[in-house]
Every structure is written in C-alpha cells, then in structure tokens.
Amino acid sequence: MVMNPMTMMTPEQQRLLTEVQKYTKDIKAIIKREGNNGLTVILSTNNPQAEPYLSQIRGSLISSLATTLWTFFGITGRVEY
C-alpha cells in the first residue's frame, strides 16, 4: 500500500511542500548497508539553494527512524552525533 502524504495536508501545507521540493528535488541520497548491523545514509547536492535543507532533512530522518523503531518494534537505544 502506498500512501500519498499530500492527501492529509491542508492546501497551504501542500503549497509549502511543493515550494520546498523545488530545491530538495536536487538532493541525492545514497543508502548503504554496512555489514550485518549498520547502515549509512548520505545526502548531497550540487545546488547551493538546496544546501540549507540538508541538515533539516538529516534531523527529520534521524527522528523518524528512531520513532519507527520504537513504535513498531519496541526497540530502544540512543542517537549518536
């Protein structure tokens, strides 16, 4: 099942997301499996206008992953920077 997050947003939120995506579409992600126990996510861009979004996206990914591990699997741990 694929869920479209736009269907849960107000028209103003949809407009803001569309505006942000004008820049974030130029961000590329590499997700690598590290052995049996780890993974690495690398975000990069050549667009200077997209650069300010990188730290926000990294923070959102970390928070989302931690929440998902706890909510669905009861996994606890820590976030290391």
PDB file of N, CA and C in Angstrom:
ATOM      1  N   MET A   1       0.833  -1.166   0.000  1.00  0.00           N
ATOM      2  CA  MET A   1       0.000   0.000   0.000  1.00  0.00           C
ATOM      3  C   MET A   1       0.893   1.249   0.000  1.00  0.00           C
ATOM      4  N   VAL A   2       0.643   2.145  -0.907  1.00  0.00           N
ATOM      5  CA  VAL A   2       1.381   3.397  -0.977  1.00  0.00           C
ATOM      6  C   VAL A   2       0.461   4.513  -0.497  1.00  0.00           C
ATOM      7  N   MET A   3       1.002   5.338   0.393  1.00  0.00           N
ATOM      8  CA  MET A   3       0.206   6.428   0.934  1.00  0.00           C
ATOM      9  C   MET A   3       0.722   7.753   0.394  1.00  0.00           C
ATOM     10  N   ASN A   4      -0.177   8.600  -0.056  1.00  0.00           N
ATOM     11  CA  ASN A   4       0.185   9.918  -0.548  1.00  0.00           C
ATOM     12  C   ASN A   4       0.016  10.921   0.582  1.00  0.00           C
ATOM     13  N   PRO A   5       1.123  11.449   1.135  1.00  0.00           N
ATOM     14  CA  PRO A   5       1.003  12.378   2.259  1.00  0.00           C
ATOM     15  C   PRO A   5       0.264  13.667   1.901  1.00  0.00           C
ATOM     16  N   MET A   6       0.236  14.019   0.625  1.00  0.00           N
ATOM     17  CA  MET A   6      -0.464  15.240   0.207  1.00  0.00           C
ATOM     18  C   MET A   6      -1.956  15.184   0.549  1.00  0.00           C
ATOM     19  N   THR A   7      -2.517  13.979   0.595  1.00  0.00           N
ATOM     20  CA  THR A   7      -3.947  13.856   0.871  1.00  0.00           C
ATOM     21  C   THR A   7      -4.281  14.205   2.322  1.00  0.00           C
ATOM     22  N   MET A   8      -3.279  14.241   3.195  1.00  0.00           N
ATOM     23  CA  MET A   8      -3.507  14.547   4.600  1.00  0.00           C
ATOM     24  C   MET A   8      -3.158  15.991   4.945  1.00  0.00           C
ATOM     25  N   MET A   9      -2.799  16.785   3.935  1.00  0.00           N
ATOM     26  CA  MET A   9      -2.356  18.159   4.168  1.00  0.00           C
ATOM     27  C   MET A   9      -3.411  19.168   3.752  1.00  0.00           C
ATOM     28  N   THR A  10      -3.354  20.300   4.420  1.00  0.00           N
ATOM     29  CA  THR A  10      -4.208  21.412   4.017  1.00  0.00           C
ATOM     30  C   THR A  10      -3.663  21.986   2.705  1.00  0.00           C
ATOM     31  N   PRO A  11      -4.455  22.745   1.988  1.00  0.00           N
ATOM     32  CA  PRO A  11      -3.950  23.369   0.763  1.00  0.00           C
ATOM     33  C   PRO A  11      -2.695  24.220   1.000  1.00  0.00           C
ATOM     34  N   GLU A  12      -2.631  24.912   2.132  1.00  0.00           N
ATOM     35  CA  GLU A  12      -1.452  25.734   2.438  1.00  0.00           C
ATOM     36  C   GLU A  12      -0.225  24.862   2.669  1.00  0.00           C
ATOM     37  N   GLN A  13      -0.386  23.754   3.390  1.00  0.00           N
ATOM     38  CA  GLN A  13       0.730  22.830   3.610  1.00  0.00           C
ATOM     39  C   GLN A  13       1.190  22.224   2.287  1.00  0.00           C
ATOM     40  N   GLN A  14       0.257  21.888   1.423  1.00  0.00           N
ATOM     41  CA  GLN A  14       0.605  21.351   0.110  1.00  0.00           C
ATOM     42  C   GLN A  14       1.410  22.372  -0.694  1.00  0.00           C
ATOM     43  N   ARG A  15       0.988  23.624  -0.634  1.00  0.00           N
ATOM     44  CA  ARG A  15       1.691  24.678  -1.359  1.00  0.00           C
ATOM     45  C   ARG A  15       3.126  24.834  -0.835  1.00  0.00           C
ATOM     46  N   LEU A  16       3.278  24.837   0.507  1.00  0.00           N
ATOM     47  CA  LEU A  16       4.606  24.974   1.100  1.00  0.00           C
ATOM     48  C   LEU A  16       5.505  23.796   0.742  1.00  0.00           C
ATOM     49  N   LEU A  17       4.961  22.589   0.795  1.00  0.00           N
ATOM     50  CA  LEU A  17       5.748  21.410   0.449  1.00  0.00           C
ATOM     51  C   LEU A  17       6.186  21.460  -1.017  1.00  0.00           C
ATOM     52  N   THR A  18       5.292  21.852  -1.887  1.00  0.00           N
ATOM     53  CA  THR A  18       5.631  21.975  -3.307  1.00  0.00           C
ATOM     54  C   THR A  18       6.744  23.003  -3.508  1.00  0.00           C
ATOM     55  N   GLU A  19       6.688  24.085  -2.752  1.00  0.00           N
ATOM     56  CA  GLU A  19       7.716  25.137  -2.840  1.00  0.00           C
ATOM     57  C   GLU A  19       9.077  24.608  -2.383  1.00  0.00           C
ATOM     58  N   VAL A  20       9.099  23.892  -1.267  1.00  0.00           N
ATOM     59  CA  VAL A  20      10.348  23.324  -0.743  1.00  0.00           C
ATOM     60  C   VAL A  20      10.921  22.302  -1.722  1.00  0.00           C
ATOM     61  N   GLN A  21      10.053  21.486  -2.325  1.00  0.00           N
ATOM     62  CA  GLN A  21      10.510  20.437  -3.238  1.00  0.00           C
ATOM     63  C   GLN A  21      11.166  20.994  -4.498  1.00  0.00           C
ATOM     64  N   LYS A  22      10.943  22.251  -4.797  1.00  0.00           N
ATOM     65  CA  LYS A  22      11.649  22.866  -5.931  1.00  0.00           C
ATOM     66  C   LYS A  22      13.159  22.790  -5.720  1.00  0.00           C
ATOM     67  N   TYR A  23      13.590  22.829  -4.462  1.00  0.00           N
ATOM     68  CA  TYR A  23      15.015  22.783  -4.131  1.00  0.00           C
ATOM     69  C   TYR A  23      15.453  21.389  -3.693  1.00  0.00           C
ATOM     70  N   THR A  24      14.631  20.732  -2.859  1.00  0.00           N
ATOM     71  CA  THR A  24      15.055  19.441  -2.314  1.00  0.00           C
ATOM     72  C   THR A  24      15.074  18.335  -3.363  1.00  0.00           C
ATOM     73  N   LYS A  25      14.419  18.529  -4.485  1.00  0.00           N
ATOM     74  CA  LYS A  25      14.475  17.518  -5.558  1.00  0.00           C
ATOM     75  C   LYS A  25      15.895  17.373  -6.095  1.00  0.00           C
ATOM     76  N   ASP A  26      16.745  18.365  -5.831  1.00  0.00           N
ATOM     77  CA  ASP A  26      18.131  18.317  -6.277  1.00  0.00           C
ATOM     78  C   ASP A  26      19.050  17.657  -5.253  1.00  0.00           C
ATOM     79  N   ILE A  27      18.493  17.163  -4.165  1.00  0.00           N
ATOM     80  CA  ILE A  27      19.270  16.429  -3.166  1.00  0.00           C
ATOM     81  C   ILE A  27      19.240  14.950  -3.542  1.00  0.00           C
ATOM     82  N   LYS A  28      20.390  14.341  -3.525  1.00  0.00           N
ATOM     83  CA  LYS A  28      20.501  12.914  -3.832  1.00  0.00           C
ATOM     84  C   LYS A  28      20.835  12.152  -2.555  1.00  0.00           C
ATOM     85  N   ALA A  29      20.307  10.940  -2.459  1.00  0.00           N
ATOM     86  CA  ALA A  29      20.544  10.097  -1.286  1.00  0.00           C
ATOM     87  C   ALA A  29      21.207   8.799  -1.705  1.00  0.00           C
ATOM     88  N   ILE A  30      22.153   8.378  -0.901  1.00  0.00           N
ATOM     89  CA  ILE A  30      22.755   7.051  -1.035  1.00  0.00           C
ATOM     90  C   ILE A  30      22.525   6.348   0.298  1.00  0.00           C
ATOM     91  N   ILE A  31      21.888   5.187   0.252  1.00  0.00           N
ATOM     92  CA  ILE A  31      21.648   4.385   1.452  1.00  0.00           C
ATOM     93  C   ILE A  31      22.448   3.103   1.294  1.00  0.00           C
ATOM     94  N   LYS A  32      23.392   2.897   2.211  1.00  0.00           N
ATOM     95  CA  LYS A  32      24.279   1.738   2.117  1.00  0.00           C
ATOM     96  C   LYS A  32      24.130   0.844   3.338  1.00  0.00           C
ATOM     97  N   ARG A  33      24.058  -0.437   3.081  1.00  0.00           N
ATOM     98  CA  ARG A  33      24.095  -1.418   4.161  1.00  0.00           C
ATOM     99  C   ARG A  33      25.545  -1.577   4.578  1.00  0.00           C
ATOM    100  N   GLU A  34      25.788  -1.532   5.873  1.00  0.00           N
ATOM    101  CA  GLU A  34      27.143  -1.662   6.423  1.00  0.00           C
ATOM    102  C   GLU A  34      27.238  -2.984   7.175  1.00  0.00           C
ATOM    103  N   GLY A  35      27.744  -4.005   6.517  1.00  0.00           N
ATOM    104  CA  GLY A  35      27.844  -5.313   7.153  1.00  0.00           C
ATOM    105  C   GLY A  35      26.470  -5.848   7.504  1.00  0.00           C
ATOM    106  N   ASN A  36      26.396  -6.557   8.633  1.00  0.00           N
ATOM    107  CA  ASN A  36      25.127  -7.132   9.078  1.00  0.00           C
ATOM    108  C   ASN A  36      24.381  -6.240  10.058  1.00  0.00           C
ATOM    109  N   ASN A  37      25.041  -5.199  10.590  1.00  0.00           N
ATOM    110  CA  ASN A  37      24.443  -4.450  11.695  1.00  0.00           C
ATOM    111  C   ASN A  37      24.259  -2.959  11.464  1.00  0.00           C
ATOM    112  N   GLY A  38      24.640  -2.443  10.343  1.00  0.00           N
ATOM    113  CA  GLY A  38      24.577  -0.996  10.206  1.00  0.00           C
ATOM    114  C   GLY A  38      24.097  -0.527   8.857  1.00  0.00           C
ATOM    115  N   LEU A  39      23.848   0.765   8.809  1.00  0.00           N
ATOM    116  CA  LEU A  39      23.520   1.394   7.541  1.00  0.00           C
ATOM    117  C   LEU A  39      24.003   2.829   7.585  1.00  0.00           C
ATOM    118  N   THR A  40      24.221   3.365   6.415  1.00  0.00           N
ATOM    119  CA  THR A  40      24.665   4.739   6.266  1.00  0.00           C
ATOM    120  C   THR A  40      23.756   5.419   5.259  1.00  0.00           C
ATOM    121  N   VAL A  41      23.368   6.645   5.576  1.00  0.00           N
ATOM    122  CA  VAL A  41      22.594   7.462   4.647  1.00  0.00           C
ATOM    123  C   VAL A  41      23.436   8.692   4.342  1.00  0.00           C
ATOM    124  N   ILE A  42      23.696   8.920   3.070  1.00  0.00           N
ATOM    125  CA  ILE A  42      24.482  10.070   2.635  1.00  0.00           C
ATOM    126  C   ILE A  42      23.585  10.954   1.779  1.00  0.00           C
ATOM    127  N   LEU A  43      23.461  12.214   2.181  1.00  0.00           N
ATOM    128  CA  LEU A  43      22.692  13.192   1.421  1.00  0.00           C
ATOM    129  C   LEU A  43      23.656  14.220   0.845  1.00  0.00           C
ATOM    130  N   SER A  44      23.478  14.557  -0.421  1.00  0.00           N
ATOM    131  CA  SER A  44      24.359  15.542  -1.040  1.00  0.00           C
ATOM    132  C   SER A  44      23.612  16.291  -2.130  1.00  0.00           C
ATOM    133  N   THR A  45      24.148  17.447  -2.483  1.00  0.00           N
ATOM    134  CA  THR A  45      23.559  18.242  -3.552  1.00  0.00           C
ATOM    135  C   THR A  45      24.623  19.134  -4.186  1.00  0.00           C
ATOM    136  N   ASN A  46      24.424  19.455  -5.423  1.00  0.00           N
ATOM    137  CA  ASN A  46      25.262  20.429  -6.113  1.00  0.00           C
ATOM    138  C   ASN A  46      24.551  21.769  -6.233  1.00  0.00           C
ATOM    139  N   ASN A  47      23.330  21.843  -5.727  1.00  0.00           N
ATOM    140  CA  ASN A  47      22.526  23.051  -5.809  1.00  0.00           C
ATOM    141  C   ASN A  47      22.689  23.850  -4.517  1.00  0.00           C
ATOM    142  N   PRO A  48      23.312  25.022  -4.570  1.00  0.00           N
ATOM    143  CA  PRO A  48      23.504  25.821  -3.358  1.00  0.00           C
ATOM    144  C   PRO A  48      22.184  26.196  -2.665  1.00  0.00           C
ATOM    145  N   GLN A  49      21.100  26.297  -3.418  1.00  0.00           N
ATOM    146  CA  GLN A  49      19.808  26.633  -2.817  1.00  0.00           C
ATOM    147  C   GLN A  49      19.228  25.456  -2.047  1.00  0.00           C
ATOM    148  N   ALA A  50      19.659  24.247  -2.338  1.00  0.00           N
ATOM    149  CA  ALA A  50      19.182  23.059  -1.619  1.00  0.00           C
ATOM    150  C   ALA A  50      20.011  22.787  -0.369  1.00  0.00           C
ATOM    151  N   GLU A  51      21.223  23.313  -0.330  1.00  0.00           N
ATOM    152  CA  GLU A  51      22.157  23.056   0.771  1.00  0.00           C
ATOM    153  C   GLU A  51      21.553  23.322   2.162  1.00  0.00           C
ATOM    154  N   PRO A  52      20.830  24.426   2.372  1.00  0.00           N
ATOM    155  CA  PRO A  52      20.285  24.683   3.711  1.00  0.00           C
ATOM    156  C   PRO A  52      19.294  23.625   4.199  1.00  0.00           C
ATOM    157  N   TYR A  53      18.724  22.863   3.298  1.00  0.00           N
ATOM    158  CA  TYR A  53      17.735  21.846   3.680  1.00  0.00           C
ATOM    159  C   TYR A  53      18.381  20.548   4.162  1.00  0.00           C
ATOM    160  N   LEU A  54      19.665  20.352   3.869  1.00  0.00           N
ATOM    161  CA  LEU A  54      20.319  19.084   4.212  1.00  0.00           C
ATOM    162  C   LEU A  54      20.256  18.783   5.708  1.00  0.00           C
ATOM    163  N   SER A  55      20.591  19.749   6.552  1.00  0.00           N
ATOM    164  CA  SER A  55      20.594  19.472   7.992  1.00  0.00           C
ATOM    165  C   SER A  55      19.174  19.213   8.510  1.00  0.00           C
ATOM    166  N   GLN A  56      18.188  19.918   7.969  1.00  0.00           N
ATOM    167  CA  GLN A  56      16.805  19.677   8.382  1.00  0.00           C
ATOM    168  C   GLN A  56      16.358  18.269   7.993  1.00  0.00           C
ATOM    169  N   ILE A  57      16.718  17.849   6.798  1.00  0.00           N
ATOM    170  CA  ILE A  57      16.326  16.508   6.339  1.00  0.00           C
ATOM    171  C   ILE A  57      17.035  15.441   7.166  1.00  0.00           C
ATOM    172  N   ARG A  58      18.320  15.643   7.448  1.00  0.00           N
ATOM    173  CA  ARG A  58      19.046  14.679   8.279  1.00  0.00           C
ATOM    174  C   ARG A  58      18.374  14.541   9.638  1.00  0.00           C
ATOM    175  N   GLY A  59      18.043  15.663  10.260  1.00  0.00           N
ATOM    176  CA  GLY A  59      17.378  15.636  11.563  1.00  0.00           C
ATOM    177  C   GLY A  59      16.040  14.927  11.506  1.00  0.00           C
ATOM    178  N   SER A  60      15.284  15.179  10.452  1.00  0.00           N
ATOM    179  CA  SER A  60      13.975  14.525  10.291  1.00  0.00           C
ATOM    180  C   SER A  60      14.132  13.022  10.099  1.00  0.00           C
ATOM    181  N   LEU A  61      15.127  12.616   9.314  1.00  0.00           N
ATOM    182  CA  LEU A  61      15.354  11.185   9.099  1.00  0.00           C
ATOM    183  C   LEU A  61      15.722  10.482  10.401  1.00  0.00           C
ATOM    184  N   ILE A  62      16.596  11.100  11.174  1.00  0.00           N
ATOM    185  CA  ILE A  62      17.016  10.508  12.443  1.00  0.00           C
ATOM    186  C   ILE A  62      15.822  10.364  13.387  1.00  0.00           C
ATOM    187  N   SER A  63      15.053  11.424  13.506  1.00  0.00           N
ATOM    188  CA  SER A  63      13.880  11.397  14.384  1.00  0.00           C
ATOM    189  C   SER A  63      12.853  10.373  13.913  1.00  0.00           C
ATOM    190  N   SER A  64      12.608  10.337  12.616  1.00  0.00           N
ATOM    191  CA  SER A  64      11.636   9.408  12.055  1.00  0.00           C
ATOM    192  C   SER A  64      12.073   7.957  12.249  1.00  0.00           C
ATOM    193  N   LEU A  65      13.338   7.685  12.027  1.00  0.00           N
ATOM    194  CA  LEU A  65      13.841   6.318  12.190  1.00  0.00           C
ATOM    195  C   LEU A  65      13.745   5.885  13.650  1.00  0.00           C
ATOM    196  N   ALA A  66      14.144   6.754  14.570  1.00  0.00           N
ATOM    197  CA  ALA A  66      14.066   6.419  15.991  1.00  0.00           C
ATOM    198  C   ALA A  66      12.620   6.173  16.415  1.00  0.00           C
ATOM    199  N   THR A  67      11.714   7.006  15.947  1.00  0.00           N
ATOM    200  CA  THR A  67      10.293   6.845  16.272  1.00  0.00           C
ATOM    201  C   THR A  67       9.748   5.539  15.708  1.00  0.00           C
ATOM    202  N   THR A  68      10.099   5.228  14.464  1.00  0.00           N
ATOM    203  CA  THR A  68       9.635   3.990  13.836  1.00  0.00           C
ATOM    204  C   THR A  68      10.144   2.763  14.586  1.00  0.00           C
ATOM    205  N   LEU A  69      11.424   2.758  14.961  1.00  0.00           N
ATOM    206  CA  LEU A  69      11.979   1.613  15.688  1.00  0.00           C
ATOM    207  C   LEU A  69      11.256   1.397  17.011  1.00  0.00           C
ATOM    208  N   TRP A  70      10.953   2.483  17.724  1.00  0.00           N
ATOM    209  CA  TRP A  70      10.260   2.363  18.996  1.00  0.00           C
ATOM    210  C   TRP A  70       8.793   1.969  18.801  1.00  0.00           C
ATOM    211  N   THR A  71       8.099   2.671  17.910  1.00  0.00           N
ATOM    212  CA  THR A  71       6.660   2.484  17.748  1.00  0.00           C
ATOM    213  C   THR A  71       6.303   1.096  17.225  1.00  0.00           C
ATOM    214  N   PHE A  72       6.992   0.650  16.214  1.00  0.00           N
ATOM    215  CA  PHE A  72       6.621  -0.616  15.578  1.00  0.00           C
ATOM    216  C   PHE A  72       7.305  -1.831  16.191  1.00  0.00           C
ATOM    217  N   PHE A  73       8.494  -1.650  16.735  1.00  0.00           N
ATOM    218  CA  PHE A  73       9.257  -2.812  17.177  1.00  0.00           C
ATOM    219  C   PHE A  73       9.635  -2.792  18.655  1.00  0.00           C
ATOM    220  N   GLY A  74       9.365  -1.675  19.348  1.00  0.00           N
ATOM    221  CA  GLY A  74       9.727  -1.582  20.760  1.00  0.00           C
ATOM    222  C   GLY A  74      11.227  -1.501  20.984  1.00  0.00           C
ATOM    223  N   ILE A  75      11.968  -1.117  19.958  1.00  0.00           N
ATOM    224  CA  ILE A  75      13.432  -1.042  20.039  1.00  0.00           C
ATOM    225  C   ILE A  75      13.825   0.276  20.701  1.00  0.00           C
ATOM    226  N   THR A  76      14.673   0.184  21.708  1.00  0.00           N
ATOM    227  CA  THR A  76      15.195   1.381  22.372  1.00  0.00           C
ATOM    228  C   THR A  76      16.678   1.497  22.071  1.00  0.00           C
ATOM    229  N   GLY A  77      17.236   2.645  22.346  1.00  0.00           N
ATOM    230  CA  GLY A  77      18.659   2.859  22.103  1.00  0.00           C
ATOM    231  C   GLY A  77      18.999   4.316  22.274  1.00  0.00           C
ATOM    232  N   ARG A  78      19.927   4.794  21.493  1.00  0.00           N
ATOM    233  CA  ARG A  78      20.348   6.188  21.572  1.00  0.00           C
ATOM    234  C   ARG A  78      20.731   6.689  20.176  1.00  0.00           C
ATOM    235  N   VAL A  79      20.680   7.986  20.021  1.00  0.00           N
ATOM    236  CA  VAL A  79      21.119   8.631  18.789  1.00  0.00           C
ATOM    237  C   VAL A  79      22.483   9.249  19.086  1.00  0.00           C
ATOM    238  N   GLU A  80      23.469   8.915  18.301  1.00  0.00           N
ATOM    239  CA  GLU A  80      24.817   9.454  18.484  1.00  0.00           C
ATOM    240  C   GLU A  80      25.142  10.401  17.338  1.00  0.00           C
ATOM    241  N   TYR A  81      25.717  11.520  17.677  1.00  0.00           N
ATOM    242  CA  TYR A  81      26.123  12.508  16.679  1.00  0.00           C
ATOM    243  C   TYR A  81      27.613  12.586  16.572  1.00  0.00           C
TER     244      TYR A  81
END
